[in-house]
N, C-alpha and C. Protein backbone atom coordinates (compact mmCIF):
# COMPACT_ATOMS: atom_id res chain seq x y z
N MET A 1 18.40 110.29 144.35
CA MET A 1 18.36 110.98 144.01
C MET A 1 20.31 111.01 143.01
N ALA A 2 20.51 111.72 141.69
CA ALA A 2 21.85 111.58 141.10
C ALA A 2 22.03 112.40 141.65
N PHE A 3 21.57 113.64 141.65
CA PHE A 3 22.31 114.85 142.03
C PHE A 3 21.97 115.31 143.52
N GLY A 4 22.03 114.69 144.26
CA GLY A 4 22.25 114.56 145.80
C GLY A 4 23.84 114.85 146.25
N ARG A 5 24.62 114.25 145.89
CA ARG A 5 25.95 114.06 146.18
C ARG A 5 26.77 115.37 145.57
N SER A 6 26.59 115.86 144.31
CA SER A 6 26.97 117.26 144.19
C SER A 6 26.54 118.04 144.40
N ASP A 7 25.10 117.99 145.32
CA ASP A 7 24.16 118.93 145.93
C ASP A 7 24.93 119.46 147.19
N ARG A 8 25.49 118.25 147.81
CA ARG A 8 25.93 118.92 149.32
C ARG A 8 26.88 118.97 149.03
N ARG A 9 28.25 118.76 148.09
CA ARG A 9 29.13 119.21 148.09
C ARG A 9 29.45 120.83 147.85
N ARG A 10 28.23 121.07 147.17
CA ARG A 10 28.14 122.93 146.45
C ARG A 10 27.84 123.30 148.07
N ARG A 11 26.61 122.59 148.76
CA ARG A 11 26.43 123.25 150.16
C ARG A 11 27.76 123.40 151.28
N THR A 12 28.41 122.12 150.93
CA THR A 12 30.00 122.35 152.50
C THR A 12 30.51 123.52 151.81
N ALA A 13 30.77 123.66 150.16
CA ALA A 13 31.98 124.41 150.02
C ALA A 13 31.83 125.86 150.58
N ALA A 14 30.14 125.89 150.14
CA ALA A 14 29.51 127.55 150.10
C ALA A 14 30.07 128.13 151.45
N VAL A 15 29.86 126.95 152.97
CA VAL A 15 29.64 127.60 154.00
C VAL A 15 31.92 127.78 154.43
N GLU A 16 32.15 127.01 153.74
CA GLU A 16 33.49 127.49 153.99
C GLU A 16 34.13 128.75 154.01
N PRO A 17 34.72 129.28 155.23
CA PRO A 17 34.79 131.00 155.75
C PRO A 17 35.72 131.05 154.71
N VAL A 18 35.67 132.46 154.20
CA VAL A 18 37.29 133.47 153.92
C VAL A 18 37.94 133.81 155.33
N THR A 19 39.09 133.43 155.12
CA THR A 19 40.22 133.79 156.42
C THR A 19 40.77 134.80 155.92
N LEU A 20 40.71 136.21 156.79
CA LEU A 20 41.30 137.80 156.42
C LEU A 20 42.22 138.49 157.81
N LYS A 21 43.83 139.07 157.45
CA LYS A 21 44.34 138.91 158.02
C LYS A 21 44.32 140.36 158.37
N ILE A 22 44.08 141.01 159.62
CA ILE A 22 44.46 142.62 159.64
C ILE A 22 45.63 142.92 160.59
N LEU A 23 45.90 143.99 160.62
CA LEU A 23 46.87 144.39 161.89
C LEU A 23 45.83 145.41 162.19
N VAL A 24 46.43 145.58 163.71
CA VAL A 24 46.09 146.79 165.10
C VAL A 24 46.84 147.55 164.64
N ALA A 25 46.93 148.16 165.07
CA ALA A 25 48.21 149.22 164.93
C ALA A 25 48.52 150.42 165.95
N GLY A 26 48.86 151.12 166.28
CA GLY A 26 49.84 152.02 166.95
C GLY A 26 50.15 152.18 167.77
N GLY A 27 50.31 153.82 168.04
CA GLY A 27 51.59 153.51 169.38
C GLY A 27 51.63 152.96 170.28
N PHE A 28 52.39 153.86 171.55
CA PHE A 28 52.30 152.98 172.54
C PHE A 28 51.23 153.13 173.35
N GLY A 29 50.51 152.23 174.31
CA GLY A 29 49.40 152.55 175.19
C GLY A 29 48.08 152.99 174.58
N VAL A 30 47.97 152.27 173.47
CA VAL A 30 46.80 153.13 172.48
C VAL A 30 45.34 152.13 172.75
N GLY A 31 45.62 150.78 172.91
CA GLY A 31 44.82 150.13 173.27
C GLY A 31 44.56 149.13 172.72
N LYS A 32 45.95 148.65 171.93
CA LYS A 32 45.82 147.59 170.51
C LYS A 32 45.47 146.44 171.19
N THR A 33 45.84 145.73 172.41
CA THR A 33 45.42 145.12 173.24
C THR A 33 44.35 144.39 173.72
N THR A 34 43.98 145.69 173.90
CA THR A 34 42.22 145.79 174.58
C THR A 34 41.52 145.76 173.63
N LEU A 35 41.61 146.30 172.59
CA LEU A 35 40.34 145.78 171.57
C LEU A 35 40.81 144.37 170.81
N VAL A 36 41.98 144.20 170.64
CA VAL A 36 42.26 142.55 170.30
C VAL A 36 41.00 141.52 171.01
N GLY A 37 41.21 141.98 172.56
CA GLY A 37 40.81 141.25 173.71
C GLY A 37 39.52 141.59 173.50
N ALA A 38 38.61 142.52 173.41
CA ALA A 38 37.46 142.40 173.41
C ALA A 38 36.49 141.83 172.30
N VAL A 39 37.29 141.51 171.23
CA VAL A 39 37.09 140.57 170.01
C VAL A 39 36.48 139.46 169.73
N SER A 40 37.93 139.09 170.45
CA SER A 40 38.31 137.67 170.16
C SER A 40 37.64 136.95 170.48
N GLU A 41 36.92 135.70 169.69
CA GLU A 41 36.25 134.34 170.08
C GLU A 41 36.61 133.30 170.21
N ILE A 42 38.52 133.21 170.62
CA ILE A 42 39.02 132.59 171.36
C ILE A 42 39.60 133.10 171.75
N LYS A 43 40.99 132.71 173.05
CA LYS A 43 41.32 133.29 174.39
C LYS A 43 42.40 134.13 173.54
N PRO A 44 42.58 135.22 173.46
CA PRO A 44 43.74 136.14 172.90
C PRO A 44 45.12 135.27 173.27
N LEU A 45 46.22 135.47 172.29
CA LEU A 45 47.50 134.64 172.29
C LEU A 45 47.83 137.15 172.69
N ARG A 46 48.93 137.08 173.75
CA ARG A 46 49.24 137.87 174.16
C ARG A 46 50.60 137.78 174.50
N THR A 47 51.32 138.58 173.95
CA THR A 47 53.28 138.75 174.93
C THR A 47 53.48 139.93 175.70
N GLU A 48 52.39 140.04 176.30
CA GLU A 48 52.49 141.08 177.33
C GLU A 48 53.83 140.82 178.39
N GLU A 49 55.00 142.27 179.42
CA GLU A 49 55.10 142.02 179.81
C GLU A 49 55.12 143.53 180.61
N ARG A 50 56.11 143.31 182.20
CA ARG A 50 55.87 144.31 182.55
C ARG A 50 57.23 145.13 182.37
N LEU A 51 56.58 146.82 182.47
CA LEU A 51 57.59 147.71 182.35
C LEU A 51 58.34 148.01 183.41
N THR A 52 59.48 148.28 183.37
CA THR A 52 60.85 148.07 183.86
C THR A 52 61.90 149.64 184.48
N GLU A 53 62.19 150.14 185.20
CA GLU A 53 62.57 151.16 185.18
C GLU A 53 64.03 151.19 184.23
N ALA A 54 64.40 150.08 183.81
CA ALA A 54 64.80 150.11 182.59
C ALA A 54 64.75 150.63 181.16
N GLY A 55 63.32 150.24 181.66
CA GLY A 55 62.90 150.92 180.01
C GLY A 55 62.77 152.25 179.95
N ARG A 56 62.38 152.70 181.13
CA ARG A 56 61.57 154.13 181.34
C ARG A 56 62.35 155.07 180.32
N PRO A 57 64.11 155.01 180.15
CA PRO A 57 64.36 156.56 179.21
C PRO A 57 63.69 156.03 177.83
N VAL A 58 63.21 155.20 177.64
CA VAL A 58 62.88 154.37 176.18
C VAL A 58 61.29 154.60 175.89
N ASP A 59 60.49 154.60 177.11
CA ASP A 59 59.47 154.57 176.82
C ASP A 59 58.58 155.36 177.16
N ASP A 60 57.48 156.30 176.74
CA ASP A 60 57.50 157.35 177.09
C ASP A 60 55.67 157.73 177.38
N LEU A 61 55.66 157.01 178.99
CA LEU A 61 54.68 157.04 179.75
C LEU A 61 53.55 158.49 179.75
N ASP A 62 53.93 159.67 179.23
CA ASP A 62 53.32 160.91 179.58
C ASP A 62 52.03 160.14 178.77
N GLY A 63 50.46 160.86 179.57
CA GLY A 63 49.85 160.70 179.14
C GLY A 63 49.36 159.30 179.36
N VAL A 64 49.93 158.05 179.72
CA VAL A 64 49.84 156.92 180.74
C VAL A 64 50.38 156.11 181.65
N GLU A 65 50.46 157.32 182.18
CA GLU A 65 51.46 156.84 183.87
C GLU A 65 50.74 155.59 184.55
N ALA A 66 49.40 155.26 183.91
CA ALA A 66 49.29 153.79 184.34
C ALA A 66 49.27 153.00 184.03
N LYS A 67 49.80 152.57 182.97
CA LYS A 67 50.26 151.50 181.84
C LYS A 67 51.21 151.21 182.71
N THR A 68 51.22 149.71 183.00
CA THR A 68 52.50 149.25 183.08
C THR A 68 52.76 147.52 183.11
N THR A 69 52.55 147.06 182.03
CA THR A 69 52.77 146.14 180.40
C THR A 69 52.83 146.63 179.78
N THR A 70 53.59 146.19 178.75
CA THR A 70 53.90 146.59 176.97
C THR A 70 54.08 144.86 176.71
N THR A 71 53.46 145.41 175.00
CA THR A 71 53.37 144.18 174.36
C THR A 71 54.70 144.11 173.82
N VAL A 72 55.52 142.82 173.88
CA VAL A 72 56.64 142.61 173.57
C VAL A 72 56.86 141.74 171.77
N ALA A 73 55.58 141.84 171.43
CA ALA A 73 56.10 140.59 170.43
C ALA A 73 54.70 140.84 169.34
N MET A 74 53.31 140.32 170.12
CA MET A 74 51.84 140.49 169.16
C MET A 74 51.56 139.78 169.44
N ASP A 75 49.74 140.45 169.68
CA ASP A 75 48.83 140.47 170.10
C ASP A 75 48.04 139.37 169.27
N PHE A 76 47.94 138.37 169.12
CA PHE A 76 46.62 137.51 168.36
C PHE A 76 44.90 137.31 168.70
N GLY A 77 44.33 137.59 167.73
CA GLY A 77 42.89 137.02 168.15
C GLY A 77 42.17 136.10 166.99
N ARG A 78 40.78 136.07 166.75
CA ARG A 78 40.31 135.65 165.79
C ARG A 78 38.75 135.72 166.15
N ILE A 79 37.91 136.62 165.00
CA ILE A 79 36.58 136.97 165.16
C ILE A 79 35.85 136.59 164.01
N THR A 80 34.61 136.46 164.01
CA THR A 80 33.99 135.53 162.83
C THR A 80 33.01 136.50 162.83
N LEU A 81 33.15 137.48 161.80
CA LEU A 81 32.17 138.61 161.12
C LEU A 81 30.73 137.94 160.61
N HIS A 82 30.77 136.86 159.83
CA HIS A 82 29.89 135.88 159.39
C HIS A 82 29.88 134.49 159.09
N ASP A 83 29.20 133.42 158.54
CA ASP A 83 29.49 132.40 158.49
C ASP A 83 30.89 132.54 157.43
N GLU A 84 30.35 132.91 156.75
CA GLU A 84 31.84 133.12 154.99
C GLU A 84 33.01 133.81 154.99
N LEU A 85 32.91 134.71 156.72
CA LEU A 85 34.16 135.40 157.09
C LEU A 85 34.95 135.63 158.28
N VAL A 86 36.09 135.27 158.23
CA VAL A 86 36.98 135.35 159.82
C VAL A 86 37.47 136.14 159.58
N LEU A 87 38.10 137.13 160.33
CA LEU A 87 39.17 137.77 160.71
C LEU A 87 40.20 137.17 161.37
N TYR A 88 41.27 136.98 160.91
CA TYR A 88 42.51 136.64 162.43
C TYR A 88 43.24 138.02 162.63
N LEU A 89 43.50 138.89 163.76
CA LEU A 89 44.21 139.79 164.39
C LEU A 89 45.20 139.89 164.86
N PHE A 90 46.22 140.63 163.75
CA PHE A 90 47.84 140.77 164.90
C PHE A 90 48.05 141.62 165.30
N GLY A 91 47.79 142.57 167.07
CA GLY A 91 48.22 143.52 167.05
C GLY A 91 49.84 143.52 166.98
N THR A 92 50.28 144.98 166.93
CA THR A 92 51.93 145.35 166.45
C THR A 92 51.80 145.70 167.51
N PRO A 93 53.04 145.68 168.59
CA PRO A 93 54.19 146.39 169.35
C PRO A 93 53.89 147.87 169.22
N GLY A 94 53.83 148.61 169.94
CA GLY A 94 53.38 150.28 169.91
C GLY A 94 55.45 150.64 169.92
N GLN A 95 56.12 150.42 170.91
CA GLN A 95 57.35 150.87 171.22
C GLN A 95 58.41 150.92 169.44
N ASP A 96 59.25 151.70 169.06
CA ASP A 96 60.40 152.25 168.33
C ASP A 96 60.77 150.48 168.21
N ARG A 97 61.59 150.60 169.13
CA ARG A 97 62.49 149.57 169.58
C ARG A 97 62.51 147.74 169.10
N PHE A 98 60.45 148.18 168.70
CA PHE A 98 60.05 146.34 168.05
C PHE A 98 59.66 146.64 167.01
N TRP A 99 59.98 147.64 166.83
CA TRP A 99 59.09 147.73 164.84
C TRP A 99 60.27 147.03 164.04
N PHE A 100 61.13 145.73 164.20
CA PHE A 100 61.55 145.67 163.26
C PHE A 100 60.36 143.73 163.27
N LEU A 101 59.34 143.94 163.96
CA LEU A 101 58.38 142.88 163.68
C LEU A 101 57.97 142.77 162.59
N TRP A 102 57.33 144.41 162.44
CA TRP A 102 56.46 144.96 161.86
C TRP A 102 56.23 144.01 160.45
N ASP A 103 57.12 144.40 160.20
CA ASP A 103 57.07 143.45 158.23
C ASP A 103 56.61 142.22 157.97
N GLU A 104 57.08 141.67 159.33
CA GLU A 104 56.84 140.21 159.32
C GLU A 104 55.15 139.93 159.54
N LEU A 105 54.69 140.54 160.19
CA LEU A 105 53.44 141.02 160.66
C LEU A 105 52.78 141.43 159.88
N ALA A 106 52.64 142.20 158.99
CA ALA A 106 52.10 143.27 157.48
C ALA A 106 52.24 141.74 156.87
N ARG A 107 52.91 141.03 156.43
CA ARG A 107 52.84 139.78 155.29
C ARG A 107 51.68 139.58 155.15
N GLY A 108 50.88 139.59 153.93
CA GLY A 108 49.49 138.76 153.59
C GLY A 108 48.36 139.60 154.58
N ALA A 109 48.95 140.88 154.92
CA ALA A 109 47.35 141.89 155.66
C ALA A 109 46.72 141.87 154.57
N LEU A 110 45.64 142.30 155.07
CA LEU A 110 44.20 142.76 154.06
C LEU A 110 43.82 143.90 154.35
N GLY A 111 44.46 144.83 155.96
CA GLY A 111 44.37 146.09 155.76
C GLY A 111 44.57 146.77 157.12
N ALA A 112 44.57 147.28 157.79
CA ALA A 112 45.48 147.63 158.97
C ALA A 112 43.99 149.21 159.94
N VAL A 113 44.16 148.67 161.22
CA VAL A 113 43.23 149.72 162.20
C VAL A 113 44.59 150.28 162.49
N VAL A 114 44.53 151.38 162.84
CA VAL A 114 45.41 152.68 163.40
C VAL A 114 44.73 153.06 164.83
N LEU A 115 45.36 152.53 165.58
CA LEU A 115 44.44 153.20 166.50
C LEU A 115 44.59 154.91 167.46
N ALA A 116 44.16 155.58 167.39
CA ALA A 116 44.81 157.12 167.95
C ALA A 116 44.03 157.39 168.60
N ASP A 117 44.71 158.09 169.66
CA ASP A 117 44.24 158.57 171.34
C ASP A 117 44.82 160.15 171.05
N THR A 118 43.90 161.15 171.29
CA THR A 118 43.57 162.15 171.35
C THR A 118 44.77 162.72 172.34
N ARG A 119 45.08 162.62 173.48
CA ARG A 119 45.86 162.49 173.77
C ARG A 119 47.57 162.17 173.98
N ARG A 120 47.54 161.56 172.40
CA ARG A 120 48.84 161.43 172.12
C ARG A 120 48.88 161.03 170.64
N LEU A 121 48.54 161.69 170.00
CA LEU A 121 47.65 161.93 168.20
C LEU A 121 49.40 161.82 167.82
N ALA A 122 50.29 162.46 168.02
CA ALA A 122 51.30 162.36 167.05
C ALA A 122 52.08 161.14 167.39
N GLU A 123 51.44 160.18 168.15
CA GLU A 123 51.33 159.08 168.22
C GLU A 123 51.67 157.89 167.42
N SER A 124 50.27 159.03 166.37
CA SER A 124 49.83 157.77 165.46
C SER A 124 50.99 157.91 164.29
N PHE A 125 51.52 158.88 164.15
CA PHE A 125 52.12 159.02 162.36
C PHE A 125 52.53 158.34 162.39
N ALA A 126 53.53 157.77 163.23
CA ALA A 126 54.27 156.50 162.61
C ALA A 126 54.22 155.16 162.01
N ALA A 127 53.22 154.70 162.79
CA ALA A 127 52.41 153.83 162.14
C ALA A 127 51.62 153.91 160.44
N ILE A 128 50.73 155.45 160.29
CA ILE A 128 50.39 155.65 159.64
C ILE A 128 51.54 156.16 158.22
N ASP A 129 52.57 156.64 158.64
CA ASP A 129 53.66 156.78 157.25
C ASP A 129 53.96 154.97 156.53
N TYR A 130 54.05 154.17 157.86
CA TYR A 130 54.38 152.75 157.62
C TYR A 130 53.25 152.50 156.50
N PHE A 131 52.25 152.27 157.08
CA PHE A 131 50.87 151.73 155.79
C PHE A 131 50.85 152.66 154.44
N GLU A 132 50.99 153.77 154.51
CA GLU A 132 50.81 154.57 153.42
C GLU A 132 52.52 154.27 153.28
N ARG A 133 53.56 154.59 152.89
CA ARG A 133 54.57 153.52 152.05
C ARG A 133 54.14 152.39 151.68
N ARG A 134 53.73 151.47 152.55
CA ARG A 134 53.77 149.87 151.68
C ARG A 134 52.28 149.75 150.84
N GLY A 135 51.38 150.94 151.01
CA GLY A 135 50.38 150.77 150.00
C GLY A 135 49.20 150.45 150.60
N LEU A 136 49.46 149.90 151.81
CA LEU A 136 48.62 148.64 152.73
C LEU A 136 47.01 149.87 153.13
N PRO A 137 45.83 148.98 152.90
CA PRO A 137 44.88 150.13 153.62
C PRO A 137 44.65 150.14 154.84
N PHE A 138 44.41 151.17 155.31
CA PHE A 138 44.24 151.32 156.66
C PHE A 138 43.20 152.31 157.00
N THR A 139 42.23 151.81 158.45
CA THR A 139 41.32 153.31 158.67
C THR A 139 41.77 153.19 160.34
N VAL A 140 41.91 154.66 160.61
CA VAL A 140 42.07 155.36 161.83
C VAL A 140 40.94 155.20 162.71
N ALA A 141 41.08 154.78 163.83
CA ALA A 141 40.16 154.67 164.55
C ALA A 141 40.06 155.20 166.36
N VAL A 142 39.56 156.49 166.34
CA VAL A 142 40.02 157.36 167.55
C VAL A 142 39.09 156.24 168.88
N ASN A 143 40.21 156.22 169.63
CA ASN A 143 39.89 155.19 171.27
C ASN A 143 39.53 156.53 171.49
N CYS A 144 38.47 156.32 172.19
CA CYS A 144 38.28 157.45 173.15
C CYS A 144 37.91 156.91 174.62
N PHE A 145 39.16 157.26 175.28
CA PHE A 145 39.74 157.46 176.55
C PHE A 145 38.61 157.83 177.87
N ASP A 146 38.91 157.55 178.71
CA ASP A 146 37.81 157.89 179.81
C ASP A 146 38.75 159.71 180.12
N GLY A 147 38.48 160.62 179.97
CA GLY A 147 38.73 161.83 180.42
C GLY A 147 39.46 162.90 179.64
N ALA A 148 40.13 161.95 178.17
CA ALA A 148 40.44 162.56 176.71
C ALA A 148 39.59 163.38 176.04
N ASP A 149 40.21 164.21 175.44
CA ASP A 149 39.16 165.44 174.78
C ASP A 149 38.42 164.46 173.54
N ARG A 150 37.31 165.14 173.24
CA ARG A 150 36.46 164.00 171.95
C ARG A 150 36.40 165.55 170.75
N TYR A 151 37.18 165.15 169.93
CA TYR A 151 36.87 165.56 168.66
C TYR A 151 36.02 165.11 167.41
N PRO A 152 35.76 165.90 166.91
CA PRO A 152 35.39 164.87 165.72
C PRO A 152 36.25 164.29 164.62
N PRO A 153 35.86 163.10 164.04
CA PRO A 153 36.50 162.71 162.81
C PRO A 153 37.46 162.93 161.69
N GLU A 154 36.34 164.64 161.44
CA GLU A 154 37.02 165.37 160.66
C GLU A 154 37.98 166.02 161.22
N ALA A 155 37.97 166.54 162.34
CA ALA A 155 39.32 167.64 163.30
C ALA A 155 40.34 166.72 163.15
N VAL A 156 40.14 165.57 163.27
CA VAL A 156 41.60 164.05 163.08
C VAL A 156 42.13 163.97 162.08
N ARG A 157 41.15 164.07 161.02
CA ARG A 157 41.69 163.70 159.67
C ARG A 157 42.96 164.84 159.70
N ASP A 158 42.04 166.12 160.15
CA ASP A 158 43.13 167.31 159.72
C ASP A 158 43.79 167.33 160.26
N ALA A 159 44.21 167.15 161.97
CA ALA A 159 45.21 166.91 162.31
C ALA A 159 46.45 166.15 161.90
N LEU A 160 46.07 164.84 161.40
CA LEU A 160 46.77 164.03 161.17
C LEU A 160 46.88 164.10 159.99
N ASP A 161 46.75 164.84 159.20
CA ASP A 161 46.54 165.15 157.38
C ASP A 161 46.40 164.36 156.86
N LEU A 162 45.33 162.94 156.48
CA LEU A 162 45.19 161.99 155.98
C LEU A 162 43.92 162.54 155.17
N ASP A 163 44.71 161.77 153.87
CA ASP A 163 44.42 161.97 152.11
C ASP A 163 42.19 161.86 152.74
N PRO A 164 41.26 161.75 152.03
CA PRO A 164 39.62 162.21 152.18
C PRO A 164 39.14 160.72 152.07
N HIS A 165 39.85 159.89 151.40
CA HIS A 165 39.28 158.45 151.24
C HIS A 165 40.11 157.09 152.44
N ILE A 166 40.43 157.65 153.36
CA ILE A 166 40.94 156.86 154.48
C ILE A 166 39.37 157.48 155.59
N PRO A 167 39.12 156.25 155.69
CA PRO A 167 38.02 156.39 156.73
C PRO A 167 38.59 156.55 158.60
N VAL A 168 37.76 157.53 159.45
CA VAL A 168 38.32 157.78 160.28
C VAL A 168 37.32 157.86 161.35
N MET A 169 37.02 157.30 162.39
CA MET A 169 35.94 157.04 163.60
C MET A 169 36.23 157.24 164.45
N LEU A 170 35.14 157.16 165.48
CA LEU A 170 35.58 156.70 167.07
C LEU A 170 35.05 155.48 167.73
N CYS A 171 35.46 154.91 168.75
CA CYS A 171 35.29 153.61 169.23
C CYS A 171 35.93 153.63 170.41
N ASP A 172 35.57 152.88 170.83
CA ASP A 172 35.73 152.72 172.61
C ASP A 172 36.41 151.22 172.55
N ALA A 173 37.63 150.52 172.22
CA ALA A 173 38.15 149.98 172.15
C ALA A 173 37.95 148.95 173.64
N ARG A 174 37.39 149.07 174.43
CA ARG A 174 36.98 147.98 175.59
C ARG A 174 36.38 147.43 175.23
N GLU A 175 35.04 147.92 174.09
CA GLU A 175 33.27 147.45 173.67
C GLU A 175 33.50 146.70 172.50
N ARG A 176 33.01 145.22 172.69
CA ARG A 176 33.30 144.31 171.49
C ARG A 176 32.25 145.29 170.14
N GLY A 177 31.40 145.44 170.37
CA GLY A 177 30.50 146.18 169.44
C GLY A 177 30.84 147.19 168.70
N SER A 178 31.73 148.31 169.65
CA SER A 178 32.03 148.86 169.10
C SER A 178 33.87 148.39 168.00
N ALA A 179 34.94 147.61 168.77
CA ALA A 179 35.64 147.50 167.94
C ALA A 179 35.13 146.30 166.88
N ARG A 180 34.20 145.76 166.62
CA ARG A 180 34.03 144.94 165.80
C ARG A 180 33.20 145.82 164.42
N ASP A 181 32.82 146.99 164.81
CA ASP A 181 32.24 147.95 164.18
C ASP A 181 33.35 148.71 162.96
N VAL A 182 34.39 148.76 164.26
CA VAL A 182 36.05 149.48 163.52
C VAL A 182 36.65 147.85 162.41
N LEU A 183 36.93 147.12 162.60
CA LEU A 183 37.27 145.64 161.84
C LEU A 183 36.47 145.76 160.93
N VAL A 184 35.03 145.93 160.78
CA VAL A 184 34.27 145.92 159.36
C VAL A 184 34.54 147.42 158.50
N ALA A 185 34.59 148.45 159.29
CA ALA A 185 35.09 149.08 158.79
C ALA A 185 36.27 148.93 157.67
N VAL A 186 37.30 148.35 158.50
CA VAL A 186 38.54 148.52 157.49
C VAL A 186 38.35 147.00 156.62
N VAL A 187 37.39 146.21 157.00
CA VAL A 187 37.46 145.22 155.78
C VAL A 187 36.92 145.83 154.76
N GLU A 188 35.92 147.21 154.68
CA GLU A 188 35.14 147.03 153.49
C GLU A 188 35.98 148.51 153.09
N HIS A 189 36.60 148.45 153.62
CA HIS A 189 38.01 150.18 152.75
C HIS A 189 38.59 149.44 151.81
N ALA A 190 39.48 148.47 152.98
CA ALA A 190 39.87 147.70 152.04
C ALA A 190 40.07 146.88 150.99
N MET A 191 38.79 145.98 150.89
CA MET A 191 37.75 145.59 149.99
C MET A 191 37.73 146.58 148.77
N GLN A 192 37.21 147.74 149.13
CA GLN A 192 37.04 148.90 147.99
C GLN A 192 38.75 149.43 146.81
N ASN A 193 39.42 149.62 148.16
CA ASN A 193 40.54 150.34 147.77
C ASN A 193 42.07 148.92 147.13
N GLY A 194 42.29 148.19 148.27
CA GLY A 194 42.47 146.77 147.37
C GLY A 194 44.46 148.03 147.80
N PRO A 195 45.54 147.22 147.73
CA PRO A 195 46.55 147.33 148.31
C PRO A 195 47.24 148.64 146.93
N ARG A 196 47.74 149.68 147.52
CA ARG A 196 47.98 150.79 146.25
C ARG A 196 49.18 151.12 145.71
N ARG A 197 50.35 149.64 146.18
CA ARG A 197 51.80 149.34 146.36
C ARG A 197 52.14 148.44 146.21
N ARG A 198 52.87 147.49 145.74
CA ARG A 198 53.79 146.03 146.57
C ARG A 198 54.62 146.72 147.45
N GLU A 199 54.71 145.60 148.43
CA GLU A 199 55.49 145.93 149.40
C GLU A 199 56.97 146.02 148.97
N PRO A 200 57.83 146.73 149.87
CA PRO A 200 59.16 146.32 149.02
C PRO A 200 59.86 144.88 149.15
N ALA A 201 60.31 144.87 148.26
CA ALA A 201 61.55 143.52 148.97
C ALA A 201 62.56 143.29 149.59
N LEU A 202 62.16 141.95 149.97
CA LEU A 202 63.58 142.30 151.45
C LEU A 202 64.56 142.22 150.59
N PRO A 203 65.60 142.89 151.42
CA PRO A 203 67.05 142.44 150.98
C PRO A 203 67.67 140.93 150.96
């Protein structure tokens, strides 16, 4: 058939997936590594190191006293949402002293998840400010830790002083389905809103 080859090429091209970069950010101990690991279809890359006595003066463990490791560079994972869309996930380090890595991790990202913990809600402000300044669309996902107070999304929105267009949702970062729902919400929000401001040029 004369058009057989071109038809096959069109069908092959149609299934080539779009790849998007999503950041998973938030404060220290909020569940970023857990979320990436819960949804990743490949063995996630982790750069965790054990917490040491030397780090105690700068690592605030209030509310997460059982935490024994921390991400020192990034987490990396991948999830296929459907045949035409693949997400590459980059989990950011939470402590202030590793923030010099954020600019590189954020480069080329479509959007971000800001994980929040109601026991340490103030830890979310730095990540929120970072993405607001760069105009990068983001969704706030409240990780519902066992024993933590549960607040409705609108109460969290008010506490974090978020604009009405920013999605806020509850999640369990340990559960693949719940974490996947968060990522879908980020992609939908980012596609609808797009970047609001150009990234600042490097010096």
